[in-house]
C-alpha atoms as a PDB file:
ATOM      1  CA  MET A   1     -13.482   5.642 -16.685  1.00  0.00           C
ATOM      2  CA  ASN A   2     -14.354   9.345 -16.611  1.00  0.00           C
ATOM      3  CA  LYS A   3     -12.930  11.779 -14.052  1.00  0.00           C
ATOM      4  CA  LYS A   4     -16.000  11.721 -11.833  1.00  0.00           C
ATOM      5  CA  ASP A   5     -16.127   7.885 -11.675  1.00  0.00           C
ATOM      6  CA  LEU A   6     -12.391   7.773 -10.962  1.00  0.00           C
ATOM      7  CA  ALA A   7     -12.739  10.300  -8.128  1.00  0.00           C
ATOM      8  CA  THR A   8     -15.617   8.255  -6.658  1.00  0.00           C
ATOM      9  CA  LYS A   9     -13.583   5.046  -6.885  1.00  0.00           C
ATOM     10  CA  ARG A  10     -10.612   6.667  -5.180  1.00  0.00           C
ATOM     11  CA  ASN A  11     -12.768   8.038  -2.366  1.00  0.00           C
ATOM     12  CA  ASP A  12     -14.559   4.726  -1.864  1.00  0.00           C
ATOM     13  CA  THR A  13     -11.248   2.822  -1.681  1.00  0.00           C
ATOM     14  CA  GLN A  14      -9.738   5.343   0.738  1.00  0.00           C
ATOM     15  CA  ARG A  15     -12.715   4.967   3.103  1.00  0.00           C
ATOM     16  CA  LEU A  16     -11.826   1.302   3.545  1.00  0.00           C
ATOM     17  CA  TYR A  17      -8.628   2.316   5.470  1.00  0.00           C
ATOM     18  CA  HIS A  18      -7.702   4.401   8.468  1.00  0.00           C
ATOM     19  CA  VAL A  19      -4.676   5.956  10.108  1.00  0.00           C
ATOM     20  CA  PRO A  20      -2.747   3.456  12.337  1.00  0.00           C
ATOM     21  CA  GLY A  21      -3.793   3.847  15.977  1.00  0.00           C
ATOM     22  CA  MET A  22      -6.757   6.081  15.124  1.00  0.00           C
ATOM     23  CA  ALA A  23      -9.696   3.939  14.037  1.00  0.00           C
ATOM     24  CA  ASN A  24     -12.026   6.882  13.674  1.00  0.00           C
ATOM     25  CA  ILE A  25      -9.725   8.952  11.454  1.00  0.00           C
ATOM     26  CA  THR A  26      -9.995   7.751   7.892  1.00  0.00           C
ATOM     27  CA  ASN A  27      -8.447  10.747   6.114  1.00  0.00           C
ATOM     28  CA  ARG A  28      -4.972   9.511   5.213  1.00  0.00           C
ATOM     29  CA  LYS A  29      -2.998  11.982   3.092  1.00  0.00           C
ATOM     30  CA  ARG A  30      -2.854  10.855  -0.526  1.00  0.00           C
ATOM     31  CA  ASN A  31       0.359  10.488  -2.508  1.00  0.00           C
ATOM     32  CA  ALA A  32       2.531  10.915   0.582  1.00  0.00           C
ATOM     33  CA  VAL A  33       5.057   8.241   1.563  1.00  0.00           C
ATOM     34  CA  PHE A  34       5.002   7.614   5.296  1.00  0.00           C
ATOM     35  CA  ILE A  35       8.086   5.868   6.629  1.00  0.00           C
ATOM     36  CA  SER A  36       8.710   3.914   9.800  1.00  0.00           C
ATOM     37  CA  PRO A  37      12.097   3.550  11.515  1.00  0.00           C
ATOM     38  CA  SER A  38      11.049   0.038  12.542  1.00  0.00           C
ATOM     39  CA  ASN A  39      11.300  -1.001   8.895  1.00  0.00           C
ATOM     40  CA  SER A  40      14.611  -1.495   7.132  1.00  0.00           C
ATOM     41  CA  LEU A  41      15.987   1.186   4.852  1.00  0.00           C
ATOM     42  CA  GLU A  42      15.734  -1.277   1.953  1.00  0.00           C
ATOM     43  CA  HIS A  43      12.045  -1.748   2.705  1.00  0.00           C
ATOM     44  CA  GLU A  44      11.358   2.004   2.832  1.00  0.00           C
ATOM     45  CA  ILE A  45      13.232   2.622  -0.410  1.00  0.00           C
ATOM     46  CA  GLY A  46      11.257  -0.168  -2.064  1.00  0.00           C
ATOM     47  CA  LYS A  47       8.030   1.424  -0.907  1.00  0.00           C
ATOM     48  CA  MET A  48       9.110   4.787  -2.324  1.00  0.00           C
ATOM     49  CA  LYS A  49       9.926   3.157  -5.695  1.00  0.00           C
ATOM     50  CA  VAL A  50       6.443   1.606  -5.902  1.00  0.00           C
ATOM     51  CA  CYS A  51       4.874   4.974  -5.105  1.00  0.00           C
ATOM     52  CA  TYR A  52       7.048   6.716  -7.683  1.00  0.00           C
ATOM     53  CA  GLU A  53       5.898   4.277 -10.390  1.00  0.00           C
ATOM     54  CA  LEU A  54       2.247   4.759  -9.420  1.00  0.00           C
ATOM     55  CA  ARG A  55       2.572   8.570  -9.645  1.00  0.00           C
ATOM     56  CA  LYS A  56       4.310   8.249 -13.018  1.00  0.00           C
ATOM     57  CA  GLU A  57       1.152   6.508 -14.197  1.00  0.00           C
ATOM     58  CA  LYS A  58      -0.983   9.365 -12.724  1.00  0.00           C
ATOM     59  CA  MET A  59      -2.427   7.019 -10.105  1.00  0.00           C
ATOM     60  CA  GLN A  60      -3.107   7.945  -6.443  1.00  0.00           C
ATOM     61  CA  PHE A  61      -2.103   5.970  -3.380  1.00  0.00           C
ATOM     62  CA  ILE A  62      -1.953   5.880   0.394  1.00  0.00           C
ATOM     63  CA  THR A  63       0.767   4.273   2.506  1.00  0.00           C
ATOM     64  CA  GLU A  64       0.901   2.644   5.917  1.00  0.00           C
ATOM     65  CA  ALA A  65      -2.893   2.447   6.066  1.00  0.00           C
ATOM     66  CA  VAL A  66      -4.854  -0.009   8.211  1.00  0.00           C
ATOM     67  CA  CYS A  67      -7.777  -1.865   6.661  1.00  0.00           C
ATOM     68  CA  ASN A  68     -11.015  -1.261   8.556  1.00  0.00           C
ATOM     69  CA  LYS A  69     -12.235  -4.833   8.025  1.00  0.00           C
ATOM     70  CA  THR A  70      -9.090  -6.872   8.765  1.00  0.00           C
ATOM     71  CA  GLN A  71      -7.061  -4.426  10.900  1.00  0.00           C
ATOM     72  CA  LYS A  72      -3.970  -5.278   8.816  1.00  0.00           C
ATOM     73  CA  ARG A  73      -1.543  -2.515   7.965  1.00  0.00           C
ATOM     74  CA  ARG A  74      -0.755  -2.238   4.256  1.00  0.00           C
ATOM     75  CA  ASP A  75       2.416  -0.749   2.788  1.00  0.00           C
ATOM     76  CA  VAL A  76       0.857   0.837  -0.302  1.00  0.00           C
ATOM     77  CA  VAL A  77      -2.741   0.894  -1.487  1.00  0.00           C
ATOM     78  CA  CYS A  78      -3.517   2.132  -5.012  1.00  0.00           C
ATOM     79  CA  LEU A  79      -6.735   4.117  -4.795  1.00  0.00           C
ATOM     80  CA  ASP A  80      -7.439   3.833  -8.539  1.00  0.00           C
ATOM     81  CA  ASP A  81      -7.871   0.033  -8.610  1.00  0.00           C
ATOM     82  CA  GLY A  82      -7.701  -1.029  -4.935  1.00  0.00           C
ATOM     83  CA  MET A  83      -4.479  -3.053  -5.518  1.00  0.00           C
ATOM     84  CA  ILE A  84      -2.383  -3.596  -2.397  1.00  0.00           C
ATOM     85  CA  PHE A  85       1.406  -3.643  -2.560  1.00  0.00           C
ATOM     86  CA  GLU A  86       3.395  -5.298   0.191  1.00  0.00           C
ATOM     87  CA  ILE A  87       7.146  -4.760   0.147  1.00  0.00           C
ATOM     88  CA  GLU A  88       9.088  -7.704   1.626  1.00  0.00           C
ATOM     89  CA  THR A  89      12.795  -8.231   2.220  1.00  0.00           C
ATOM     90  CA  ASP A  90      12.415 -11.779   3.525  1.00  0.00           C
ATOM     91  CA  LYS A  91      11.023 -14.769   1.619  1.00  0.00           C
ATOM     92  CA  LYS A  92       9.451 -16.342   4.716  1.00  0.00           C
ATOM     93  CA  ARG A  93       7.562 -13.160   5.609  1.00  0.00           C
ATOM     94  CA  ALA A  94       6.327 -12.874   2.040  1.00  0.00           C
ATOM     95  CA  GLU A  95       4.645 -16.257   2.228  1.00  0.00           C
ATOM     96  CA  ARG A  96       1.936 -14.903   4.508  1.00  0.00           C
ATOM     97  CA  PHE A  97       0.447 -13.073   1.508  1.00  0.00           C
ATOM     98  CA  LYS A  98       0.220 -16.213  -0.632  1.00  0.00           C
ATOM     99  CA  GLY A  99      -3.257 -16.624  -2.015  1.00  0.00           C
ATOM    100  CA  GLN A 100      -4.516 -13.199  -0.889  1.00  0.00           C
ATOM    101  CA  LYS A 101      -6.544 -11.662  -3.689  1.00  0.00           C
ATOM    102  CA  GLY A 102      -5.540  -8.170  -4.784  1.00  0.00           C
ATOM    103  CA  VAL A 103      -2.150  -8.257  -3.009  1.00  0.00           C
ATOM    104  CA  VAL A 104       1.085  -7.852  -4.976  1.00  0.00           C
ATOM    105  CA  VAL A 105       4.263  -8.743  -3.110  1.00  0.00           C
ATOM    106  CA  ILE A 106       7.317  -6.756  -4.144  1.00  0.00           C
ATOM    107  CA  LYS A 107      10.266  -9.083  -3.535  1.00  0.00           C
ATOM    108  CA  LEU A 108      13.473  -7.374  -2.391  1.00  0.00           C
ATOM    109  CA  TRP A 109      15.447 -10.423  -1.287  1.00  0.00           C
ATOM    110  CA  LYS A 110      18.149 -12.150  -3.329  1.00  0.00           C
ATOM    111  CA  GLU A 111      17.681 -15.775  -4.267  1.00  0.00           C
ATOM    112  CA  ILE A 112      20.651 -17.939  -3.346  1.00  0.00           C
ATOM    113  CA  ILE A 113      21.188 -20.717  -5.820  1.00  0.00           C
END
Protein backbone atom coordinates (compact mmCIF):
# COMPACT_ATOMS: atom_id res chain seq x y z
CA MET A 1 0.00 0.00 0.00
CA ASN A 2 1.45 3.37 -0.95
CA LYS A 3 1.54 6.35 1.42
CA LYS A 4 -1.52 8.04 -0.06
CA ASP A 5 -3.65 4.88 0.16
CA LEU A 6 -2.46 4.27 3.73
CA ALA A 7 -3.34 7.85 4.74
CA THR A 8 -6.80 7.45 3.17
CA LYS A 9 -7.36 4.14 5.00
CA ARG A 10 -6.30 5.70 8.33
CA ASN A 11 -8.64 8.66 7.85
CA ASP A 12 -11.57 6.45 6.81
CA THR A 13 -11.09 4.20 9.84
CA GLN A 14 -10.81 7.16 12.21
CA ARG A 15 -14.10 8.61 10.91
CA LEU A 16 -15.90 5.49 12.16
CA TYR A 17 -15.23 6.56 15.79
CA HIS A 18 -15.86 9.56 18.00
CA VAL A 19 -14.80 10.98 21.35
CA PRO A 20 -16.77 9.50 24.29
CA GLY A 21 -19.66 11.76 25.26
CA MET A 22 -19.30 13.93 22.15
CA ALA A 23 -21.01 12.22 19.23
CA ASN A 24 -20.35 15.10 16.84
CA ILE A 25 -16.59 15.31 17.54
CA THR A 26 -14.79 12.65 15.53
CA ASN A 27 -11.26 14.03 15.73
CA ARG A 28 -9.60 11.77 18.32
CA LYS A 29 -5.87 12.46 18.77
CA ARG A 30 -3.82 9.76 17.08
CA ASN A 31 -1.06 7.80 18.80
CA ALA A 32 -2.02 9.14 22.23
CA VAL A 33 -2.90 6.76 25.06
CA PHE A 34 -5.93 8.02 27.00
CA ILE A 35 -6.33 6.48 30.43
CA SER A 36 -9.29 6.17 32.74
CA PRO A 37 -9.11 5.93 36.54
CA SER A 38 -12.17 3.65 36.41
CA ASN A 39 -9.99 0.97 34.79
CA SER A 40 -7.40 -0.99 36.76
CA LEU A 41 -3.73 -0.08 36.57
CA GLU A 42 -3.07 -3.51 35.04
CA HIS A 43 -5.60 -2.76 32.28
CA GLU A 44 -4.07 0.64 31.50
CA ILE A 45 -0.53 -0.76 31.41
CA GLY A 46 -1.74 -3.50 29.05
CA LYS A 47 -3.28 -0.87 26.78
CA MET A 48 -0.02 1.09 26.76
CA LYS A 49 1.94 -2.06 25.81
CA VAL A 50 -0.36 -2.74 22.85
CA CYS A 51 0.05 0.86 21.68
CA TYR A 52 3.82 0.65 22.09
CA GLU A 53 3.97 -2.45 19.87
CA LEU A 54 1.80 -0.76 17.22
CA ARG A 55 4.07 2.30 17.15
CA LYS A 56 7.15 0.06 16.90
CA GLU A 57 5.60 -1.31 13.70
CA LYS A 58 5.00 2.30 12.48
CA MET A 59 1.24 1.86 12.75
CA GLN A 60 -1.20 4.52 13.97
CA PHE A 61 -3.96 4.05 16.55
CA ILE A 62 -6.63 5.75 18.63
CA THR A 63 -7.65 4.78 22.16
CA GLU A 64 -10.89 4.97 24.16
CA ALA A 65 -12.88 5.71 21.01
CA VAL A 66 -16.61 5.06 20.59
CA CYS A 67 -17.85 3.36 17.42
CA ASN A 68 -20.42 5.52 15.61
CA LYS A 69 -22.45 2.47 14.54
CA THR A 70 -22.55 0.37 17.73
CA GLN A 71 -21.84 3.05 20.39
CA LYS A 72 -19.35 0.65 22.01
CA ARG A 73 -16.16 2.06 23.46
CA ARG A 74 -12.99 0.37 22.21
CA ASP A 75 -9.69 0.25 24.07
CA VAL A 76 -7.40 0.50 21.02
CA VAL A 77 -8.22 0.77 17.32
CA CYS A 78 -5.44 0.32 14.77
CA LEU A 79 -6.07 2.83 11.99
CA ASP A 80 -3.90 0.96 9.48
CA ASP A 81 -6.02 -2.20 9.33
CA GLY A 82 -9.10 -1.42 11.47
CA MET A 83 -8.21 -4.11 14.02
CA ILE A 84 -9.74 -3.57 17.47
CA PHE A 85 -7.82 -4.51 20.62
CA GLU A 86 -9.72 -5.08 23.85
CA ILE A 87 -7.65 -5.45 27.01
CA GLU A 88 -9.29 -7.69 29.61
CA THR A 89 -8.23 -8.68 33.12
CA ASP A 90 -11.19 -11.00 33.69
CA LYS A 91 -12.03 -14.15 31.73
CA LYS A 92 -15.81 -13.69 32.09
CA ARG A 93 -15.68 -10.13 30.73
CA ALA A 94 -13.56 -11.29 27.80
CA GLU A 95 -16.26 -13.74 26.69
CA ARG A 96 -18.46 -10.89 25.48
CA PHE A 97 -16.06 -10.43 22.52
CA LYS A 98 -16.27 -14.07 21.45
CA GLY A 99 -17.14 -14.31 17.79
CA GLN A 100 -16.77 -10.59 17.07
CA LYS A 101 -14.95 -10.15 13.78
CA GLY A 102 -11.87 -7.91 13.86
CA VAL A 103 -11.59 -7.89 17.67
CA VAL A 104 -8.45 -9.16 19.37
CA VAL A 105 -8.75 -9.77 23.12
CA ILE A 106 -5.54 -9.22 25.06
CA LYS A 107 -5.77 -11.57 28.04
CA LEU A 108 -4.19 -10.27 31.24
CA TRP A 109 -5.61 -12.79 33.71
CA LYS A 110 -3.76 -15.81 35.07
CA GLU A 111 -5.19 -19.25 34.44
CA ILE A 112 -5.56 -21.33 37.61
CA ILE A 113 -4.98 -24.99 36.96
